[in-house]
């Protein structure tokens, strides 16, 4: 089992990857570029982090989980809207 410090480093790195994917999605969305690939990347990374948290492999605060889920819902809504307009 990993030490608490290693666990913190691991969670931090995973959350950084989730944030990078979210930032990339937002950037592409602002430029009106196709954000589908960026959205998929964010959804995949965020889902992995949430799955690990649910299995108690990593510890996230309720606020962190809520924020990730809210971003997932926003991206899903955006993708659905874009599909309807296409």
N, C-alpha and C. Protein backbone atom coordinates (compact mmCIF):
# COMPACT_ATOMS: atom_id res chain seq x y z
N UNK A 1 0.85 -1.19 0.00
CA UNK A 1 0.00 0.00 0.00
C UNK A 1 0.89 1.24 0.00
N UNK A 2 0.46 2.26 -0.67
CA UNK A 2 1.27 3.47 -0.78
C UNK A 2 1.14 4.32 0.48
N UNK A 3 2.16 5.13 0.69
CA UNK A 3 2.17 6.02 1.85
C UNK A 3 1.20 7.17 1.61
N UNK A 4 0.81 7.88 2.67
CA UNK A 4 -0.08 9.03 2.50
C UNK A 4 0.49 10.08 1.55
N UNK A 5 1.80 10.29 1.61
CA UNK A 5 2.42 11.28 0.73
C UNK A 5 2.32 10.83 -0.72
N UNK A 6 2.60 9.55 -0.97
CA UNK A 6 2.49 9.04 -2.34
C UNK A 6 1.06 9.14 -2.84
N UNK A 7 0.11 8.87 -1.95
CA UNK A 7 -1.31 8.96 -2.31
C UNK A 7 -1.68 10.39 -2.69
N UNK A 8 -1.21 11.35 -1.92
CA UNK A 8 -1.49 12.76 -2.21
C UNK A 8 -0.88 13.16 -3.55
N UNK A 9 0.34 12.72 -3.80
CA UNK A 9 1.00 13.02 -5.07
C UNK A 9 0.20 12.41 -6.23
N UNK A 10 -0.23 11.17 -6.05
CA UNK A 10 -1.00 10.48 -7.09
C UNK A 10 -2.32 11.20 -7.38
N UNK A 11 -3.05 11.54 -6.33
CA UNK A 11 -4.32 12.24 -6.51
C UNK A 11 -4.10 13.60 -7.15
N UNK A 12 -3.07 14.30 -6.70
CA UNK A 12 -2.77 15.62 -7.26
C UNK A 12 -2.50 15.53 -8.75
N UNK A 13 -1.70 14.56 -9.16
CA UNK A 13 -1.38 14.39 -10.58
C UNK A 13 -2.63 14.07 -11.38
N UNK A 14 -3.47 13.20 -10.85
CA UNK A 14 -4.69 12.84 -11.57
C UNK A 14 -5.63 14.04 -11.70
N UNK A 15 -5.76 14.80 -10.64
CA UNK A 15 -6.62 15.98 -10.69
C UNK A 15 -6.06 17.04 -11.63
N UNK A 16 -4.73 17.14 -11.71
CA UNK A 16 -4.12 18.07 -12.66
C UNK A 16 -4.47 17.67 -14.09
N UNK A 17 -4.43 16.36 -14.37
CA UNK A 17 -4.76 15.87 -15.71
C UNK A 17 -6.22 16.16 -16.04
N UNK A 18 -7.10 15.97 -15.06
CA UNK A 18 -8.52 16.27 -15.26
C UNK A 18 -8.68 17.76 -15.55
N UNK A 19 -7.99 18.61 -14.79
CA UNK A 19 -8.10 20.06 -14.98
C UNK A 19 -7.55 20.47 -16.34
N UNK A 20 -6.43 19.87 -16.77
CA UNK A 20 -5.87 20.19 -18.08
C UNK A 20 -6.86 19.85 -19.19
N UNK A 21 -7.49 18.68 -19.05
CA UNK A 21 -8.46 18.26 -20.06
C UNK A 21 -9.66 19.21 -20.09
N UNK A 22 -10.10 19.64 -18.92
CA UNK A 22 -11.21 20.59 -18.84
C UNK A 22 -10.81 21.93 -19.45
N UNK A 23 -9.62 22.40 -19.14
CA UNK A 23 -9.14 23.67 -19.69
C UNK A 23 -9.06 23.61 -21.22
N UNK A 24 -8.57 22.49 -21.74
CA UNK A 24 -8.47 22.33 -23.19
C UNK A 24 -9.86 22.36 -23.83
N UNK A 25 -10.81 21.68 -23.21
CA UNK A 25 -12.18 21.70 -23.71
C UNK A 25 -12.73 23.12 -23.74
N UNK A 26 -12.55 23.85 -22.65
CA UNK A 26 -13.07 25.22 -22.57
C UNK A 26 -12.41 26.11 -23.62
N UNK A 27 -11.10 25.93 -23.81
CA UNK A 27 -10.37 26.74 -24.80
C UNK A 27 -10.91 26.48 -26.20
N UNK A 28 -11.08 25.22 -26.54
CA UNK A 28 -11.59 24.89 -27.87
C UNK A 28 -13.02 25.38 -28.05
N UNK A 29 -13.79 25.30 -26.98
CA UNK A 29 -15.17 25.76 -27.05
C UNK A 29 -15.22 27.27 -27.30
N UNK A 30 -14.34 28.01 -26.64
CA UNK A 30 -14.30 29.46 -26.82
C UNK A 30 -13.89 29.83 -28.23
N UNK A 31 -13.00 29.06 -28.82
CA UNK A 31 -12.54 29.34 -30.18
C UNK A 31 -13.50 28.77 -31.22
N UNK A 32 -14.59 28.17 -30.74
CA UNK A 32 -15.60 27.56 -31.60
C UNK A 32 -15.01 26.43 -32.44
N UNK A 33 -13.94 25.83 -31.94
CA UNK A 33 -13.37 24.67 -32.62
C UNK A 33 -14.15 23.44 -32.18
N UNK A 34 -13.92 22.38 -32.87
CA UNK A 34 -14.56 21.13 -32.46
C UNK A 34 -14.01 20.74 -31.10
N UNK A 35 -14.88 20.69 -30.15
CA UNK A 35 -14.46 20.39 -28.78
C UNK A 35 -14.71 18.92 -28.43
N UNK A 36 -15.18 18.15 -29.37
CA UNK A 36 -15.54 16.77 -29.08
C UNK A 36 -14.37 15.96 -28.54
N UNK A 37 -13.21 16.05 -29.19
CA UNK A 37 -12.06 15.28 -28.73
C UNK A 37 -11.64 15.71 -27.33
N UNK A 38 -11.61 17.01 -27.09
CA UNK A 38 -11.24 17.51 -25.77
C UNK A 38 -12.26 17.09 -24.73
N UNK A 39 -13.52 17.10 -25.11
CA UNK A 39 -14.58 16.69 -24.18
C UNK A 39 -14.44 15.21 -23.84
N UNK A 40 -14.18 14.41 -24.84
CA UNK A 40 -14.01 12.98 -24.60
C UNK A 40 -12.83 12.73 -23.68
N UNK A 41 -11.73 13.44 -23.91
CA UNK A 41 -10.56 13.28 -23.06
C UNK A 41 -10.88 13.64 -21.61
N UNK A 42 -11.58 14.76 -21.41
CA UNK A 42 -11.95 15.16 -20.06
C UNK A 42 -12.85 14.11 -19.42
N UNK A 43 -13.85 13.67 -20.15
CA UNK A 43 -14.80 12.70 -19.61
C UNK A 43 -14.08 11.42 -19.20
N UNK A 44 -13.17 10.95 -20.04
CA UNK A 44 -12.43 9.73 -19.72
C UNK A 44 -11.60 9.90 -18.45
N UNK A 45 -10.85 10.99 -18.38
CA UNK A 45 -9.99 11.21 -17.21
C UNK A 45 -10.80 11.45 -15.95
N UNK A 46 -11.84 12.23 -16.06
CA UNK A 46 -12.67 12.52 -14.90
C UNK A 46 -13.37 11.25 -14.42
N UNK A 47 -13.85 10.45 -15.35
CA UNK A 47 -14.52 9.21 -14.98
C UNK A 47 -13.58 8.26 -14.26
N UNK A 48 -12.35 8.17 -14.74
CA UNK A 48 -11.37 7.31 -14.08
C UNK A 48 -11.10 7.77 -12.65
N UNK A 49 -10.97 9.06 -12.47
CA UNK A 49 -10.71 9.60 -11.13
C UNK A 49 -11.91 9.33 -10.22
N UNK A 50 -13.11 9.57 -10.72
CA UNK A 50 -14.30 9.31 -9.90
C UNK A 50 -14.45 7.83 -9.58
N UNK A 51 -14.16 6.96 -10.54
CA UNK A 51 -14.22 5.52 -10.29
C UNK A 51 -13.24 5.12 -9.19
N UNK A 52 -12.04 5.64 -9.27
CA UNK A 52 -11.04 5.32 -8.24
C UNK A 52 -11.48 5.84 -6.88
N UNK A 53 -12.10 7.00 -6.85
CA UNK A 53 -12.59 7.55 -5.59
C UNK A 53 -13.71 6.68 -5.02
N UNK A 54 -14.60 6.21 -5.88
CA UNK A 54 -15.70 5.35 -5.42
C UNK A 54 -15.19 4.03 -4.88
N UNK A 55 -14.10 3.51 -5.47
CA UNK A 55 -13.50 2.26 -4.97
C UNK A 55 -12.59 2.51 -3.78
N UNK A 56 -12.52 3.77 -3.36
CA UNK A 56 -11.70 4.20 -2.23
C UNK A 56 -10.21 3.96 -2.45
N UNK A 57 -9.81 3.98 -3.73
CA UNK A 57 -8.39 3.88 -4.06
C UNK A 57 -7.72 5.23 -3.86
N UNK A 58 -8.50 6.29 -4.03
CA UNK A 58 -8.02 7.64 -3.76
C UNK A 58 -9.10 8.36 -2.95
N UNK A 59 -8.68 9.36 -2.22
CA UNK A 59 -9.63 10.12 -1.42
C UNK A 59 -9.84 11.49 -2.03
N UNK A 60 -11.08 11.80 -2.33
CA UNK A 60 -11.45 13.12 -2.81
C UNK A 60 -12.48 13.68 -1.84
N UNK A 61 -12.46 14.98 -1.69
CA UNK A 61 -13.48 15.59 -0.85
C UNK A 61 -14.82 15.55 -1.60
N UNK A 62 -15.88 15.69 -0.86
CA UNK A 62 -17.20 15.73 -1.50
C UNK A 62 -17.27 16.89 -2.49
N UNK A 63 -16.64 18.00 -2.15
CA UNK A 63 -16.64 19.16 -3.05
C UNK A 63 -15.90 18.85 -4.35
N UNK A 64 -14.77 18.15 -4.26
CA UNK A 64 -14.03 17.79 -5.48
C UNK A 64 -14.87 16.88 -6.36
N UNK A 65 -15.51 15.90 -5.76
CA UNK A 65 -16.37 14.99 -6.52
C UNK A 65 -17.52 15.76 -7.17
N UNK A 66 -18.14 16.65 -6.40
CA UNK A 66 -19.27 17.43 -6.91
C UNK A 66 -18.84 18.29 -8.09
N UNK A 67 -17.69 18.94 -7.98
CA UNK A 67 -17.21 19.81 -9.06
C UNK A 67 -16.91 19.01 -10.32
N UNK A 68 -16.30 17.85 -10.16
CA UNK A 68 -16.01 17.01 -11.33
C UNK A 68 -17.32 16.56 -11.98
N UNK A 69 -18.27 16.11 -11.17
CA UNK A 69 -19.56 15.67 -11.72
C UNK A 69 -20.29 16.82 -12.41
N UNK A 70 -20.27 18.00 -11.81
CA UNK A 70 -20.92 19.15 -12.43
C UNK A 70 -20.30 19.48 -13.78
N UNK A 71 -18.98 19.41 -13.86
CA UNK A 71 -18.31 19.66 -15.14
C UNK A 71 -18.68 18.59 -16.17
N UNK A 72 -18.78 17.34 -15.72
CA UNK A 72 -19.21 16.27 -16.62
C UNK A 72 -20.61 16.56 -17.17
N UNK A 73 -21.50 16.99 -16.31
CA UNK A 73 -22.87 17.29 -16.75
C UNK A 73 -22.89 18.47 -17.73
N UNK A 74 -22.09 19.49 -17.46
CA UNK A 74 -22.04 20.65 -18.36
C UNK A 74 -21.52 20.26 -19.74
N UNK A 75 -20.48 19.44 -19.75
CA UNK A 75 -19.90 19.01 -21.02
C UNK A 75 -20.90 18.14 -21.77
N UNK A 76 -21.56 17.24 -21.07
CA UNK A 76 -22.57 16.40 -21.72
C UNK A 76 -23.66 17.27 -22.34
N UNK A 77 -24.13 18.24 -21.60
CA UNK A 77 -25.16 19.14 -22.09
C UNK A 77 -24.68 19.89 -23.33
N UNK A 78 -23.45 20.35 -23.29
CA UNK A 78 -22.87 21.08 -24.42
C UNK A 78 -22.77 20.18 -25.65
N UNK A 79 -22.35 18.94 -25.46
CA UNK A 79 -22.22 18.01 -26.58
C UNK A 79 -23.59 17.69 -27.19
N UNK A 80 -24.58 17.50 -26.33
CA UNK A 80 -25.93 17.22 -26.82
C UNK A 80 -26.45 18.41 -27.63
N UNK A 81 -26.24 19.61 -27.11
CA UNK A 81 -26.69 20.82 -27.80
C UNK A 81 -25.99 20.96 -29.16
N UNK A 82 -24.68 20.69 -29.18
CA UNK A 82 -23.93 20.79 -30.44
C UNK A 82 -24.42 19.76 -31.45
N UNK A 83 -24.76 18.56 -30.97
CA UNK A 83 -25.26 17.53 -31.87
C UNK A 83 -26.60 17.93 -32.46
N UNK A 84 -27.45 18.53 -31.65
CA UNK A 84 -28.76 18.96 -32.13
C UNK A 84 -28.65 20.06 -33.17
N UNK A 85 -27.63 20.91 -33.04
CA UNK A 85 -27.44 22.02 -33.98
C UNK A 85 -26.72 21.60 -35.25
N UNK A 86 -26.13 20.42 -35.24
CA UNK A 86 -25.35 19.97 -36.40
C UNK A 86 -26.24 19.42 -37.50
